[in-house]
Amino acid sequence: MNKTILKAIERIHWNTEHHFLHIKNQHEIAPQIGVQFSMGYTDARFIQFFLEDQEDQTDLWDEFTKTFEEISEYELAFIKGGLAGFNEQYGSEDQMKHYEATQTAMLLILDKVRFLALTY
């Protein structure tokens, strides 16, 4: 199970970081982003199931789930509306700062989950 969790963590980490940079650098949507986004939901569920099996990890489960849902809102806006649609909904400087902070938080949360999986 650890190998599956570690791969799920790796994929969500990559998606979170690269999709944010793609949008921040104002690149148009690429077809693979939608596929990566969809697969990320499966990876997120694996992580949630893993965290549910761990004693005293309710806070980490909550933190992961909340942050993943926030990231998903940004990415879904990009997938549905392309760069123009994303910018219309989330393109202000304040919203981009929030998106960046949220993606940074997700990377830190994934580090915690990775540590837990490695010590499981």
Protein backbone atom coordinates (compact mmCIF):
# COMPACT_ATOMS: atom_id res chain seq x y z
CA MET A 1 0.00 0.00 0.00
CA ASN A 2 2.83 2.44 0.74
CA LYS A 3 3.99 2.32 -2.88
CA THR A 4 0.49 3.27 -4.10
CA ILE A 5 0.25 6.12 -1.60
CA LEU A 6 3.71 7.38 -2.44
CA LYS A 7 2.90 7.44 -6.17
CA ALA A 8 -0.40 9.23 -5.46
CA ILE A 9 1.46 11.82 -3.37
CA GLU A 10 4.05 12.25 -6.12
CA ARG A 11 1.42 12.78 -8.83
CA ILE A 12 -0.63 15.28 -6.82
CA HIS A 13 2.56 17.11 -5.84
CA TRP A 14 3.59 17.35 -9.50
CA ASN A 15 0.11 18.39 -10.66
CA THR A 16 -0.26 21.01 -7.94
CA GLU A 17 3.09 22.62 -8.64
CA HIS A 18 3.10 22.39 -12.43
CA HIS A 19 -0.51 23.37 -13.00
CA PHE A 20 -0.03 26.44 -10.80
CA LEU A 21 3.13 27.44 -12.72
CA HIS A 22 1.37 26.81 -16.03
CA ILE A 23 -1.42 29.20 -15.06
CA LYS A 24 0.85 31.74 -13.35
CA ASN A 25 2.98 31.93 -16.50
CA GLN A 26 -0.21 32.47 -18.52
CA HIS A 27 0.17 29.41 -20.74
CA GLU A 28 -2.91 28.20 -22.56
CA ILE A 29 -4.49 24.96 -21.43
CA ALA A 30 -3.01 21.73 -22.75
CA PRO A 31 -5.16 18.59 -23.15
CA GLN A 32 -3.13 16.57 -20.66
CA ILE A 33 -4.00 18.98 -17.83
CA GLY A 34 -7.61 17.82 -17.88
CA VAL A 35 -6.52 14.19 -17.74
CA GLN A 36 -4.07 14.90 -14.91
CA PHE A 37 -6.78 16.77 -13.05
CA SER A 38 -9.21 13.84 -13.36
CA MET A 39 -6.61 11.30 -12.27
CA GLY A 40 -5.78 13.52 -9.31
CA TYR A 41 -9.21 12.83 -7.85
CA THR A 42 -8.39 9.11 -7.69
CA ASP A 43 -5.02 9.87 -6.12
CA ALA A 44 -6.69 12.14 -3.56
CA ARG A 45 -9.09 9.35 -2.58
CA PHE A 46 -6.18 6.94 -2.06
CA ILE A 47 -4.58 9.49 0.25
CA GLN A 48 -7.83 10.06 2.13
CA PHE A 49 -8.31 6.30 2.63
CA PHE A 50 -4.72 6.02 3.85
CA LEU A 51 -5.21 8.87 6.32
CA GLU A 52 -8.47 7.37 7.56
CA ASP A 53 -6.56 4.20 8.48
CA GLN A 54 -4.07 6.16 10.59
CA GLU A 55 -4.87 6.84 14.21
CA ASP A 56 -4.99 10.47 15.23
CA GLN A 57 -4.75 11.82 11.67
CA THR A 58 -8.18 13.43 11.48
CA ASP A 59 -6.65 16.92 11.41
CA LEU A 60 -4.31 15.98 8.56
CA TRP A 61 -7.22 14.40 6.66
CA ASP A 62 -9.25 17.60 7.12
CA GLU A 63 -6.31 19.80 6.10
CA PHE A 64 -5.57 17.70 3.01
CA THR A 65 -9.21 17.52 1.92
CA LYS A 66 -9.90 21.24 2.37
CA THR A 67 -6.75 22.27 0.54
CA PHE A 68 -7.25 19.74 -2.27
CA GLU A 69 -10.77 21.07 -2.80
CA GLU A 70 -9.48 24.65 -2.97
CA ILE A 71 -6.80 23.70 -5.50
CA SER A 72 -9.44 21.83 -7.50
CA GLU A 73 -11.58 24.96 -7.77
CA TYR A 74 -8.71 26.87 -9.37
CA GLU A 75 -7.80 24.05 -11.71
CA LEU A 76 -11.41 23.39 -12.70
CA ALA A 77 -11.86 27.05 -13.63
CA PHE A 78 -8.82 26.72 -15.90
CA ILE A 79 -10.01 23.44 -17.44
CA LYS A 80 -13.55 24.70 -18.06
CA GLY A 81 -12.71 28.19 -19.30
CA GLY A 82 -9.12 28.04 -20.43
CA LEU A 83 -6.80 30.86 -19.52
CA ALA A 84 -9.39 33.56 -20.25
CA GLY A 85 -11.99 31.87 -18.07
CA PHE A 86 -9.52 31.37 -15.26
CA ASN A 87 -8.34 34.98 -15.42
CA GLU A 88 -11.91 36.24 -15.40
CA GLN A 89 -12.70 34.25 -12.25
CA TYR A 90 -9.36 34.21 -10.38
CA GLY A 91 -6.94 36.46 -12.25
CA SER A 92 -6.67 39.35 -9.80
CA GLU A 93 -3.40 39.81 -7.96
CA ASP A 94 -4.98 38.98 -4.59
CA GLN A 95 -6.61 35.82 -5.92
CA MET A 96 -3.36 34.68 -7.54
CA LYS A 97 -1.54 35.25 -4.24
CA HIS A 98 -4.17 33.11 -2.51
CA TYR A 99 -3.81 30.41 -5.17
CA GLU A 100 -0.03 30.44 -4.71
CA ALA A 101 -0.37 30.21 -0.92
CA THR A 102 -2.86 27.37 -1.29
CA GLN A 103 -0.62 25.40 -3.62
CA THR A 104 2.35 25.95 -1.29
CA ALA A 105 0.22 24.70 1.62
CA MET A 106 -0.72 21.61 -0.40
CA LEU A 107 2.93 20.82 -1.08
CA LEU A 108 3.68 21.04 2.65
CA ILE A 109 0.69 18.84 3.51
CA LEU A 110 1.85 16.27 0.98
CA ASP A 111 5.27 16.28 2.67
CA LYS A 112 3.54 15.40 5.95
CA VAL A 113 1.56 12.60 4.30
CA ARG A 114 4.74 11.30 2.61
CA PHE A 115 6.53 11.19 5.96
CA LEU A 116 3.61 9.34 7.51
CA ALA A 117 3.53 6.83 4.62
CA LEU A 118 7.27 6.22 4.89
CA THR A 119 6.98 5.51 8.62
CA TYR A 120 3.81 3.41 8.29
